[in-house]
All heavy atoms as atom14 arrays in JSON, in Angstrom:
{
  "sequence": "VGHLLPVPPPLSFLDSSSALSPWTVYQYRLVLHNQAGKSTGPWVSVTT",
  "atom14_mask": [
    [1, 1, 1, 1, 1, 1, 1, 0, 0, 0, 0, 0, 0, 0],
    [1, 1, 1, 1, 0, 0, 0, 0, 0, 0, 0, 0, 0, 0],
    [1, 1, 1, 1, 1, 1, 1, 1, 1, 1, 0, 0, 0, 0],
    [1, 1, 1, 1, 1, 1, 1, 1, 0, 0, 0, 0, 0, 0],
    [1, 1, 1, 1, 1, 1, 1, 1, 0, 0, 0, 0, 0, 0],
    [1, 1, 1, 1, 1, 1, 1, 0, 0, 0, 0, 0, 0, 0],
    [1, 1, 1, 1, 1, 1, 1, 0, 0, 0, 0, 0, 0, 0],
    [1, 1, 1, 1, 1, 1, 1, 0, 0, 0, 0, 0, 0, 0],
    [1, 1, 1, 1, 1, 1, 1, 0, 0, 0, 0, 0, 0, 0],
    [1, 1, 1, 1, 1, 1, 1, 0, 0, 0, 0, 0, 0, 0],
    [1, 1, 1, 1, 1, 1, 1, 1, 0, 0, 0, 0, 0, 0],
    [1, 1, 1, 1, 1, 1, 0, 0, 0, 0, 0, 0, 0, 0],
    [1, 1, 1, 1, 1, 1, 1, 1, 1, 1, 1, 0, 0, 0],
    [1, 1, 1, 1, 1, 1, 1, 1, 0, 0, 0, 0, 0, 0],
    [1, 1, 1, 1, 1, 1, 1, 1, 0, 0, 0, 0, 0, 0],
    [1, 1, 1, 1, 1, 1, 0, 0, 0, 0, 0, 0, 0, 0],
    [1, 1, 1, 1, 1, 1, 0, 0, 0, 0, 0, 0, 0, 0],
    [1, 1, 1, 1, 1, 1, 0, 0, 0, 0, 0, 0, 0, 0],
    [1, 1, 1, 1, 1, 0, 0, 0, 0, 0, 0, 0, 0, 0],
    [1, 1, 1, 1, 1, 1, 1, 1, 0, 0, 0, 0, 0, 0],
    [1, 1, 1, 1, 1, 1, 0, 0, 0, 0, 0, 0, 0, 0],
    [1, 1, 1, 1, 1, 1, 1, 0, 0, 0, 0, 0, 0, 0],
    [1, 1, 1, 1, 1, 1, 1, 1, 1, 1, 1, 1, 1, 1],
    [1, 1, 1, 1, 1, 1, 1, 0, 0, 0, 0, 0, 0, 0],
    [1, 1, 1, 1, 1, 1, 1, 0, 0, 0, 0, 0, 0, 0],
    [1, 1, 1, 1, 1, 1, 1, 1, 1, 1, 1, 1, 0, 0],
    [1, 1, 1, 1, 1, 1, 1, 1, 1, 0, 0, 0, 0, 0],
    [1, 1, 1, 1, 1, 1, 1, 1, 1, 1, 1, 1, 0, 0],
    [1, 1, 1, 1, 1, 1, 1, 1, 1, 1, 1, 0, 0, 0],
    [1, 1, 1, 1, 1, 1, 1, 1, 0, 0, 0, 0, 0, 0],
    [1, 1, 1, 1, 1, 1, 1, 0, 0, 0, 0, 0, 0, 0],
    [1, 1, 1, 1, 1, 1, 1, 1, 0, 0, 0, 0, 0, 0],
    [1, 1, 1, 1, 1, 1, 1, 1, 1, 1, 0, 0, 0, 0],
    [1, 1, 1, 1, 1, 1, 1, 1, 0, 0, 0, 0, 0, 0],
    [1, 1, 1, 1, 1, 1, 1, 1, 1, 0, 0, 0, 0, 0],
    [1, 1, 1, 1, 1, 0, 0, 0, 0, 0, 0, 0, 0, 0],
    [1, 1, 1, 1, 0, 0, 0, 0, 0, 0, 0, 0, 0, 0],
    [1, 1, 1, 1, 1, 1, 1, 1, 1, 0, 0, 0, 0, 0],
    [1, 1, 1, 1, 1, 1, 0, 0, 0, 0, 0, 0, 0, 0],
    [1, 1, 1, 1, 1, 1, 1, 0, 0, 0, 0, 0, 0, 0],
    [1, 1, 1, 1, 0, 0, 0, 0, 0, 0, 0, 0, 0, 0],
    [1, 1, 1, 1, 1, 1, 1, 0, 0, 0, 0, 0, 0, 0],
    [1, 1, 1, 1, 1, 1, 1, 1, 1, 1, 1, 1, 1, 1],
    [1, 1, 1, 1, 1, 1, 1, 0, 0, 0, 0, 0, 0, 0],
    [1, 1, 1, 1, 1, 1, 0, 0, 0, 0, 0, 0, 0, 0],
    [1, 1, 1, 1, 1, 1, 1, 0, 0, 0, 0, 0, 0, 0],
    [1, 1, 1, 1, 1, 1, 1, 0, 0, 0, 0, 0, 0, 0],
    [1, 1, 1, 1, 1, 1, 1, 0, 0, 0, 0, 0, 0, 0]
  ],
  "atom14_positions": [
    [[-10.44, 2.11, 1.4], [-9.88, 3.42, 1.04], [-9.43, 4.26, 2.33], [-8.83, 5.34, 2.12], [-10.92, 4.23, 0.26], [-11.24, 3.54, -1.06], [-12.21, 4.36, 1.05], [0.0, 0.0, 0.0], [0.0, 0.0, 0.0], [0.0, 0.0, 0.0], [0.0, 0.0, 0.0], [0.0, 0.0, 0.0], [0.0, 0.0, 0.0], [0.0, 0.0, 0.0]],
    [[-9.72, 3.69, 3.47], [-9.24, 4.45, 4.66], [-9.12, 3.58, 5.86], [-9.92, 2.63, 6.08], [0.0, 0.0, 0.0], [0.0, 0.0, 0.0], [0.0, 0.0, 0.0], [0.0, 0.0, 0.0], [0.0, 0.0, 0.0], [0.0, 0.0, 0.0], [0.0, 0.0, 0.0], [0.0, 0.0, 0.0], [0.0, 0.0, 0.0], [0.0, 0.0, 0.0]],
    [[-8.09, 3.85, 6.7], [-7.88, 3.18, 8.0], [-7.85, 4.26, 9.02], [-6.97, 5.17, 9.01], [-6.55, 2.46, 8.05], [-6.51, 1.24, 7.09], [-7.06, 0.01, 7.44], [-6.1, 1.12, 5.8], [-6.89, -0.84, 6.42], [-6.26, -0.18, 5.39], [0.0, 0.0, 0.0], [0.0, 0.0, 0.0], [0.0, 0.0, 0.0], [0.0, 0.0, 0.0]],
    [[-8.71, 4.29, 9.92], [-8.81, 5.4, 10.93], [-8.67, 4.87, 12.29], [-9.14, 3.72, 12.68], [-10.26, 5.98, 10.84], [-10.74, 6.44, 9.45], [-12.09, 6.94, 9.44], [-9.72, 7.54, 8.91], [0.0, 0.0, 0.0], [0.0, 0.0, 0.0], [0.0, 0.0, 0.0], [0.0, 0.0, 0.0], [0.0, 0.0, 0.0], [0.0, 0.0, 0.0]],
    [[-7.94, 5.67, 13.13], [-7.68, 5.29, 14.56], [-8.87, 5.5, 15.4], [-9.62, 6.5, 15.14], [-6.47, 6.0, 15.1], [-5.08, 5.78, 14.33], [-4.07, 6.74, 15.0], [-4.72, 4.32, 14.51], [0.0, 0.0, 0.0], [0.0, 0.0, 0.0], [0.0, 0.0, 0.0], [0.0, 0.0, 0.0], [0.0, 0.0, 0.0], [0.0, 0.0, 0.0]],
    [[-9.09, 4.71, 16.41], [-10.38, 4.85, 17.14], [-10.4, 5.95, 18.21], [-11.45, 6.34, 18.72], [-10.54, 3.46, 17.87], [-9.05, 2.97, 18.02], [-8.33, 3.5, 16.77], [0.0, 0.0, 0.0], [0.0, 0.0, 0.0], [0.0, 0.0, 0.0], [0.0, 0.0, 0.0], [0.0, 0.0, 0.0], [0.0, 0.0, 0.0], [0.0, 0.0, 0.0]],
    [[-9.18, 6.51, 18.55], [-9.14, 7.47, 19.57], [-8.43, 8.74, 18.99], [-7.3, 8.64, 18.58], [-8.35, 7.02, 20.79], [-8.26, 8.13, 21.9], [-9.01, 5.81, 21.39], [0.0, 0.0, 0.0], [0.0, 0.0, 0.0], [0.0, 0.0, 0.0], [0.0, 0.0, 0.0], [0.0, 0.0, 0.0], [0.0, 0.0, 0.0], [0.0, 0.0, 0.0]],
    [[-8.99, 9.9, 18.98], [-10.47, 10.13, 19.26], [-11.34, 9.53, 18.16], [-10.88, 9.27, 17.12], [-10.58, 11.63, 19.32], [-9.52, 12.11, 18.37], [-8.41, 11.2, 18.46], [0.0, 0.0, 0.0], [0.0, 0.0, 0.0], [0.0, 0.0, 0.0], [0.0, 0.0, 0.0], [0.0, 0.0, 0.0], [0.0, 0.0, 0.0], [0.0, 0.0, 0.0]],
    [[-12.56, 9.29, 18.42], [-13.47, 8.58, 17.41], [-13.58, 9.43, 16.08], [-13.85, 10.63, 16.17], [-14.84, 8.48, 18.12], [-14.57, 8.72, 19.58], [-13.32, 9.56, 19.67], [0.0, 0.0, 0.0], [0.0, 0.0, 0.0], [0.0, 0.0, 0.0], [0.0, 0.0, 0.0], [0.0, 0.0, 0.0], [0.0, 0.0, 0.0], [0.0, 0.0, 0.0]],
    [[-13.34, 8.93, 14.94], [-13.47, 9.73, 13.72], [-14.9, 9.9, 13.37], [-15.77, 9.0, 13.59], [-12.74, 8.86, 12.72], [-12.87, 7.45, 13.24], [-12.86, 7.56, 14.69], [0.0, 0.0, 0.0], [0.0, 0.0, 0.0], [0.0, 0.0, 0.0], [0.0, 0.0, 0.0], [0.0, 0.0, 0.0], [0.0, 0.0, 0.0], [0.0, 0.0, 0.0]],
    [[-15.23, 11.06, 12.86], [-16.55, 11.44, 12.54], [-16.72, 11.69, 11.02], [-17.86, 11.86, 10.52], [-17.05, 12.65, 13.27], [-17.09, 12.46, 14.85], [-17.6, 13.75, 15.46], [-18.09, 11.31, 15.15], [0.0, 0.0, 0.0], [0.0, 0.0, 0.0], [0.0, 0.0, 0.0], [0.0, 0.0, 0.0], [0.0, 0.0, 0.0], [0.0, 0.0, 0.0]],
    [[-15.64, 11.77, 10.27], [-15.69, 12.06, 8.83], [-14.51, 11.48, 8.06], [-13.5, 11.22, 8.72], [-15.86, 13.53, 8.54], [-14.67, 14.26, 9.0], [0.0, 0.0, 0.0], [0.0, 0.0, 0.0], [0.0, 0.0, 0.0], [0.0, 0.0, 0.0], [0.0, 0.0, 0.0], [0.0, 0.0, 0.0], [0.0, 0.0, 0.0], [0.0, 0.0, 0.0]],
    [[-14.68, 11.39, 6.79], [-13.49, 10.92, 5.94], [-13.65, 11.57, 4.6], [-14.76, 11.63, 4.01], [-13.51, 9.35, 5.83], [-12.57, 8.81, 4.79], [-11.31, 8.8, 5.09], [-13.04, 8.39, 3.51], [-10.38, 8.33, 4.17], [-12.15, 7.89, 2.62], [-10.75, 7.84, 2.91], [0.0, 0.0, 0.0], [0.0, 0.0, 0.0], [0.0, 0.0, 0.0]],
    [[-12.52, 12.13, 4.12], [-12.5, 12.77, 2.81], [-11.85, 11.85, 1.79], [-10.66, 11.48, 1.98], [-11.73, 14.11, 2.89], [-11.57, 14.84, 1.56], [-12.85, 15.23, 1.0], [-10.66, 16.02, 1.77], [0.0, 0.0, 0.0], [0.0, 0.0, 0.0], [0.0, 0.0, 0.0], [0.0, 0.0, 0.0], [0.0, 0.0, 0.0], [0.0, 0.0, 0.0]],
    [[-12.6, 11.41, 0.84], [-12.07, 10.5, -0.19], [-11.61, 11.39, -1.41], [-12.52, 11.84, -2.17], [-13.15, 9.55, -0.71], [-12.53, 8.45, -1.56], [-11.32, 8.51, -1.83], [-13.29, 7.45, -1.88], [0.0, 0.0, 0.0], [0.0, 0.0, 0.0], [0.0, 0.0, 0.0], [0.0, 0.0, 0.0], [0.0, 0.0, 0.0], [0.0, 0.0, 0.0]],
    [[-10.34, 11.58, -1.49], [-9.81, 12.43, -2.66], [-9.04, 11.62, -3.69], [-8.11, 12.11, -4.28], [-8.99, 13.6, -2.11], [-7.94, 13.0, -1.31], [0.0, 0.0, 0.0], [0.0, 0.0, 0.0], [0.0, 0.0, 0.0], [0.0, 0.0, 0.0], [0.0, 0.0, 0.0], [0.0, 0.0, 0.0], [0.0, 0.0, 0.0], [0.0, 0.0, 0.0]],
    [[-9.36, 10.35, -3.75], [-8.57, 9.47, -4.57], [-8.77, 9.84, -6.1], [-9.85, 10.21, -6.59], [-9.12, 8.02, -4.45], [-8.55, 7.12, -5.41], [0.0, 0.0, 0.0], [0.0, 0.0, 0.0], [0.0, 0.0, 0.0], [0.0, 0.0, 0.0], [0.0, 0.0, 0.0], [0.0, 0.0, 0.0], [0.0, 0.0, 0.0], [0.0, 0.0, 0.0]],
    [[-7.71, 9.71, -6.81], [-7.68, 9.94, -8.24], [-8.49, 8.85, -9.03], [-8.7, 9.05, -10.2], [-6.24, 10.01, -8.81], [-5.6, 8.87, -8.6], [0.0, 0.0, 0.0], [0.0, 0.0, 0.0], [0.0, 0.0, 0.0], [0.0, 0.0, 0.0], [0.0, 0.0, 0.0], [0.0, 0.0, 0.0], [0.0, 0.0, 0.0], [0.0, 0.0, 0.0]],
    [[-8.8, 7.75, -8.36], [-9.61, 6.74, -9.0], [-11.02, 7.09, -9.16], [-11.8, 6.33, -9.86], [-9.42, 5.41, -8.22], [0.0, 0.0, 0.0], [0.0, 0.0, 0.0], [0.0, 0.0, 0.0], [0.0, 0.0, 0.0], [0.0, 0.0, 0.0], [0.0, 0.0, 0.0], [0.0, 0.0, 0.0], [0.0, 0.0, 0.0], [0.0, 0.0, 0.0]],
    [[-11.48, 8.11, -8.48], [-12.92, 8.43, -8.57], [-13.24, 9.09, -9.96], [-12.43, 9.86, -10.5], [-13.27, 9.49, -7.35], [-13.17, 8.93, -6.02], [-13.46, 10.06, -5.0], [-14.2, 7.85, -5.83], [0.0, 0.0, 0.0], [0.0, 0.0, 0.0], [0.0, 0.0, 0.0], [0.0, 0.0, 0.0], [0.0, 0.0, 0.0], [0.0, 0.0, 0.0]],
    [[-14.39, 8.79, -10.47], [-14.81, 9.26, -11.77], [-16.01, 10.2, -11.63], [-16.82, 9.99, -10.68], [-15.21, 8.14, -12.64], [-14.07, 7.34, -12.94], [0.0, 0.0, 0.0], [0.0, 0.0, 0.0], [0.0, 0.0, 0.0], [0.0, 0.0, 0.0], [0.0, 0.0, 0.0], [0.0, 0.0, 0.0], [0.0, 0.0, 0.0], [0.0, 0.0, 0.0]],
    [[-16.19, 11.26, -12.4], [-17.32, 12.11, -12.31], [-18.65, 11.34, -12.68], [-18.64, 10.38, -13.48], [-17.01, 13.21, -13.45], [-15.55, 13.09, -13.71], [-15.17, 11.66, -13.53], [0.0, 0.0, 0.0], [0.0, 0.0, 0.0], [0.0, 0.0, 0.0], [0.0, 0.0, 0.0], [0.0, 0.0, 0.0], [0.0, 0.0, 0.0], [0.0, 0.0, 0.0]],
    [[-19.69, 11.88, -12.09], [-21.04, 11.37, -12.4], [-21.13, 9.89, -12.35], [-21.61, 9.22, -13.21], [-21.49, 11.88, -13.77], [-23.04, 11.86, -13.93], [-23.75, 11.15, -14.88], [-24.01, 12.5, -13.07], [-25.07, 11.31, -14.7], [-25.25, 12.2, -13.57], [-23.98, 13.31, -11.98], [-26.46, 12.62, -13.06], [-25.1, 13.8, -11.39], [-26.36, 13.51, -11.92]],
    [[-20.61, 9.33, -11.19], [-20.7, 7.9, -10.93], [-21.23, 7.6, -9.55], [-20.98, 8.33, -8.59], [-19.25, 7.31, -11.06], [-18.72, 7.68, -12.33], [-19.26, 5.82, -10.84], [0.0, 0.0, 0.0], [0.0, 0.0, 0.0], [0.0, 0.0, 0.0], [0.0, 0.0, 0.0], [0.0, 0.0, 0.0], [0.0, 0.0, 0.0], [0.0, 0.0, 0.0]],
    [[-22.08, 6.6, -9.42], [-22.65, 6.17, -8.18], [-21.69, 5.35, -7.43], [-21.36, 4.23, -7.92], [-24.0, 5.51, -8.33], [-24.6, 5.11, -7.0], [-24.95, 6.46, -9.14], [0.0, 0.0, 0.0], [0.0, 0.0, 0.0], [0.0, 0.0, 0.0], [0.0, 0.0, 0.0], [0.0, 0.0, 0.0], [0.0, 0.0, 0.0], [0.0, 0.0, 0.0]],
    [[-21.25, 5.71, -6.24], [-20.35, 4.91, -5.35], [-21.11, 4.57, -4.09], [-22.07, 5.25, -3.7], [-19.1, 5.7, -5.02], [-18.15, 5.89, -6.21], [-18.1, 7.1, -6.9], [-17.26, 4.86, -6.56], [-17.21, 7.3, -7.93], [-16.37, 5.09, -7.61], [-16.42, 6.29, -8.3], [-15.55, 6.49, -9.41], [0.0, 0.0, 0.0], [0.0, 0.0, 0.0]],
    [[-20.67, 3.55, -3.49], [-21.24, 3.03, -2.21], [-20.12, 2.92, -1.16], [-19.0, 2.43, -1.52], [-21.92, 1.7, -2.33], [-23.24, 1.83, -3.22], [-23.91, 0.47, -3.35], [-23.3, -0.51, -3.51], [-25.26, 0.53, -3.23], [0.0, 0.0, 0.0], [0.0, 0.0, 0.0], [0.0, 0.0, 0.0], [0.0, 0.0, 0.0], [0.0, 0.0, 0.0]],
    [[-20.35, 3.37, 0.03], [-19.39, 3.4, 1.12], [-19.99, 2.65, 2.31], [-21.23, 2.73, 2.54], [-19.02, 4.78, 1.55], [-18.16, 5.49, 0.51], [-18.76, 6.23, -0.5], [-16.79, 5.53, 0.64], [-17.97, 6.92, -1.47], [-16.0, 6.23, -0.33], [-16.59, 6.89, -1.31], [-15.88, 7.57, -2.21], [0.0, 0.0, 0.0], [0.0, 0.0, 0.0]],
    [[-19.13, 2.05, 3.1], [-19.56, 1.43, 4.38], [-18.48, 1.44, 5.42], [-17.27, 1.51, 4.96], [-20.13, 0.02, 4.22], [-19.09, -1.04, 3.79], [-19.75, -2.36, 3.63], [-18.72, -3.37, 3.23], [-19.02, -4.63, 2.86], [-20.3, -5.06, 2.93], [-18.05, -5.45, 2.54], [0.0, 0.0, 0.0], [0.0, 0.0, 0.0], [0.0, 0.0, 0.0]],
    [[-18.73, 1.39, 6.65], [-17.85, 1.29, 7.72], [-17.65, -0.17, 8.14], [-18.6, -0.97, 8.17], [-18.35, 2.07, 8.99], [-18.1, 3.53, 8.94], [-18.85, 4.2, 10.18], [-16.59, 3.88, 9.04], [0.0, 0.0, 0.0], [0.0, 0.0, 0.0], [0.0, 0.0, 0.0], [0.0, 0.0, 0.0], [0.0, 0.0, 0.0], [0.0, 0.0, 0.0]],
    [[-16.33, -0.58, 8.47], [-16.03, -1.83, 9.08], [-15.33, -1.56, 10.32], [-14.25, -0.91, 10.33], [-15.18, -2.67, 8.12], [-14.85, -4.04, 8.69], [-15.87, -2.89, 6.72], [0.0, 0.0, 0.0], [0.0, 0.0, 0.0], [0.0, 0.0, 0.0], [0.0, 0.0, 0.0], [0.0, 0.0, 0.0], [0.0, 0.0, 0.0], [0.0, 0.0, 0.0]],
    [[-15.85, -2.05, 11.47], [-15.33, -1.7, 12.81], [-14.68, -3.04, 13.36], [-15.35, -4.15, 13.31], [-16.35, -1.26, 13.82], [-16.72, 0.28, 13.69], [-17.38, 0.67, 12.4], [-17.63, 0.69, 14.86], [0.0, 0.0, 0.0], [0.0, 0.0, 0.0], [0.0, 0.0, 0.0], [0.0, 0.0, 0.0], [0.0, 0.0, 0.0], [0.0, 0.0, 0.0]],
    [[-13.52, -2.94, 13.86], [-12.76, -4.05, 14.41], [-12.5, -3.88, 15.88], [-12.16, -2.74, 16.39], [-11.39, -4.26, 13.7], [-11.5, -4.44, 12.26], [-11.43, -5.77, 11.7], [-11.64, -3.62, 11.21], [-11.51, -5.73, 10.39], [-11.71, -4.52, 10.02], [0.0, 0.0, 0.0], [0.0, 0.0, 0.0], [0.0, 0.0, 0.0], [0.0, 0.0, 0.0]],
    [[-12.63, -4.97, 16.71], [-12.14, -5.01, 18.1], [-11.5, -6.39, 18.36], [-11.45, -7.17, 17.45], [-13.21, -4.52, 19.09], [-14.37, -5.52, 19.0], [-14.3, -6.65, 18.5], [-15.48, -5.06, 19.64], [0.0, 0.0, 0.0], [0.0, 0.0, 0.0], [0.0, 0.0, 0.0], [0.0, 0.0, 0.0], [0.0, 0.0, 0.0], [0.0, 0.0, 0.0]],
    [[-11.25, -6.63, 19.56], [-10.64, -7.92, 19.92], [-11.54, -9.12, 19.66], [-11.05, -10.23, 19.41], [-10.13, -7.97, 21.43], [-9.04, -6.97, 21.68], [-8.53, -6.95, 23.13], [-9.26, -7.5, 23.93], [-7.48, -6.32, 23.47], [0.0, 0.0, 0.0], [0.0, 0.0, 0.0], [0.0, 0.0, 0.0], [0.0, 0.0, 0.0], [0.0, 0.0, 0.0]],
    [[-12.82, -8.89, 19.69], [-13.72, -9.95, 19.48], [-14.0, -10.23, 18.03], [-14.62, -11.27, 17.7], [-15.02, -9.75, 20.24], [0.0, 0.0, 0.0], [0.0, 0.0, 0.0], [0.0, 0.0, 0.0], [0.0, 0.0, 0.0], [0.0, 0.0, 0.0], [0.0, 0.0, 0.0], [0.0, 0.0, 0.0], [0.0, 0.0, 0.0], [0.0, 0.0, 0.0]],
    [[-13.72, -9.23, 17.11], [-13.99, -9.49, 15.78], [-14.34, -8.22, 15.05], [-13.86, -7.12, 15.4], [0.0, 0.0, 0.0], [0.0, 0.0, 0.0], [0.0, 0.0, 0.0], [0.0, 0.0, 0.0], [0.0, 0.0, 0.0], [0.0, 0.0, 0.0], [0.0, 0.0, 0.0], [0.0, 0.0, 0.0], [0.0, 0.0, 0.0], [0.0, 0.0, 0.0]],
    [[-15.17, -8.2, 14.1], [-15.55, -7.08, 13.29], [-17.08, -6.96, 12.97], [-17.71, -8.04, 12.99], [-14.73, -6.99, 12.01], [-15.18, -7.96, 10.92], [-14.41, -7.77, 9.61], [-14.79, -8.78, 8.57], [-14.08, -8.57, 7.25], [0.0, 0.0, 0.0], [0.0, 0.0, 0.0], [0.0, 0.0, 0.0], [0.0, 0.0, 0.0], [0.0, 0.0, 0.0]],
    [[-17.48, -5.75, 12.81], [-18.88, -5.52, 12.43], [-18.88, -4.63, 11.11], [-18.11, -3.73, 11.04], [-19.62, -4.79, 13.5], [-19.73, -5.65, 14.61], [0.0, 0.0, 0.0], [0.0, 0.0, 0.0], [0.0, 0.0, 0.0], [0.0, 0.0, 0.0], [0.0, 0.0, 0.0], [0.0, 0.0, 0.0], [0.0, 0.0, 0.0], [0.0, 0.0, 0.0]],
    [[-19.76, -4.93, 10.19], [-19.88, -4.23, 8.95], [-21.19, -3.45, 8.86], [-22.24, -4.08, 9.06], [-19.79, -5.14, 7.82], [-18.56, -5.92, 7.89], [-19.83, -4.45, 6.46], [0.0, 0.0, 0.0], [0.0, 0.0, 0.0], [0.0, 0.0, 0.0], [0.0, 0.0, 0.0], [0.0, 0.0, 0.0], [0.0, 0.0, 0.0], [0.0, 0.0, 0.0]],
    [[-21.1, -2.16, 8.56], [-22.24, -1.36, 8.44], [-22.9, -1.45, 7.0], [-22.32, -2.11, 6.12], [0.0, 0.0, 0.0], [0.0, 0.0, 0.0], [0.0, 0.0, 0.0], [0.0, 0.0, 0.0], [0.0, 0.0, 0.0], [0.0, 0.0, 0.0], [0.0, 0.0, 0.0], [0.0, 0.0, 0.0], [0.0, 0.0, 0.0], [0.0, 0.0, 0.0]],
    [[-24.11, -0.84, 6.81], [-24.72, -0.95, 5.55], [-24.06, -0.02, 4.51], [-23.37, 1.0, 4.83], [-26.17, -0.43, 5.85], [-25.95, 0.46, 6.96], [-24.82, -0.08, 7.79], [0.0, 0.0, 0.0], [0.0, 0.0, 0.0], [0.0, 0.0, 0.0], [0.0, 0.0, 0.0], [0.0, 0.0, 0.0], [0.0, 0.0, 0.0], [0.0, 0.0, 0.0]],
    [[-24.26, -0.37, 3.25], [-23.77, 0.48, 2.21], [-24.61, 1.71, 2.05], [-25.87, 1.74, 2.15], [-23.86, -0.28, 0.81], [-22.84, -1.34, 0.65], [-23.12, -2.74, 0.64], [-21.37, -1.22, 0.38], [-21.89, -3.42, 0.49], [-20.85, -2.54, 0.29], [-20.58, -0.1, 0.3], [-19.54, -2.75, 0.03], [-19.18, -0.37, 0.07], [-18.67, -1.59, -0.02]],
    [[-23.96, 2.85, 1.84], [-24.57, 4.19, 1.58], [-24.16, 4.65, 0.24], [-22.91, 4.72, -0.08], [-24.26, 5.14, 2.66], [-24.87, 6.5, 2.41], [-24.71, 4.67, 4.05], [0.0, 0.0, 0.0], [0.0, 0.0, 0.0], [0.0, 0.0, 0.0], [0.0, 0.0, 0.0], [0.0, 0.0, 0.0], [0.0, 0.0, 0.0], [0.0, 0.0, 0.0]],
    [[-25.09, 5.09, -0.62], [-24.77, 5.49, -1.9], [-24.6, 7.06, -2.07], [-25.25, 7.84, -1.3], [-25.93, 5.1, -2.88], [-26.02, 3.65, -2.97], [0.0, 0.0, 0.0], [0.0, 0.0, 0.0], [0.0, 0.0, 0.0], [0.0, 0.0, 0.0], [0.0, 0.0, 0.0], [0.0, 0.0, 0.0], [0.0, 0.0, 0.0], [0.0, 0.0, 0.0]],
    [[-23.72, 7.47, -2.98], [-23.54, 8.87, -3.27], [-23.01, 8.93, -4.71], [-22.36, 8.07, -5.24], [-22.46, 9.41, -2.28], [-21.1, 8.75, -2.45], [-22.35, 10.92, -2.55], [0.0, 0.0, 0.0], [0.0, 0.0, 0.0], [0.0, 0.0, 0.0], [0.0, 0.0, 0.0], [0.0, 0.0, 0.0], [0.0, 0.0, 0.0], [0.0, 0.0, 0.0]],
    [[-23.44, 10.0, -5.36], [-23.07, 10.2, -6.83], [-22.11, 11.48, -6.86], [-22.37, 12.54, -6.34], [-24.37, 10.57, -7.63], [-25.26, 9.5, -7.54], [-23.94, 10.67, -9.09], [0.0, 0.0, 0.0], [0.0, 0.0, 0.0], [0.0, 0.0, 0.0], [0.0, 0.0, 0.0], [0.0, 0.0, 0.0], [0.0, 0.0, 0.0], [0.0, 0.0, 0.0]],
    [[-21.02, 11.17, -7.51], [-20.09, 12.37, -7.77], [-20.66, 13.4, -8.68], [-21.63, 13.05, -9.45], [-18.75, 11.82, -8.23], [-19.04, 11.03, -9.48], [-18.02, 11.03, -7.27], [0.0, 0.0, 0.0], [0.0, 0.0, 0.0], [0.0, 0.0, 0.0], [0.0, 0.0, 0.0], [0.0, 0.0, 0.0], [0.0, 0.0, 0.0], [0.0, 0.0, 0.0]]
  ]
}
């Protein structure tokens, strides 16, 4: 749902997609890429 540039480092992301539904549990995670590969962070849950 988002592609962020590394400079300056992003600290937040606003998800305003029309695909979101009320009173639903969603999970988000970060995926970081560099020349050596990528790292995936843990899922974090939030309820609309």
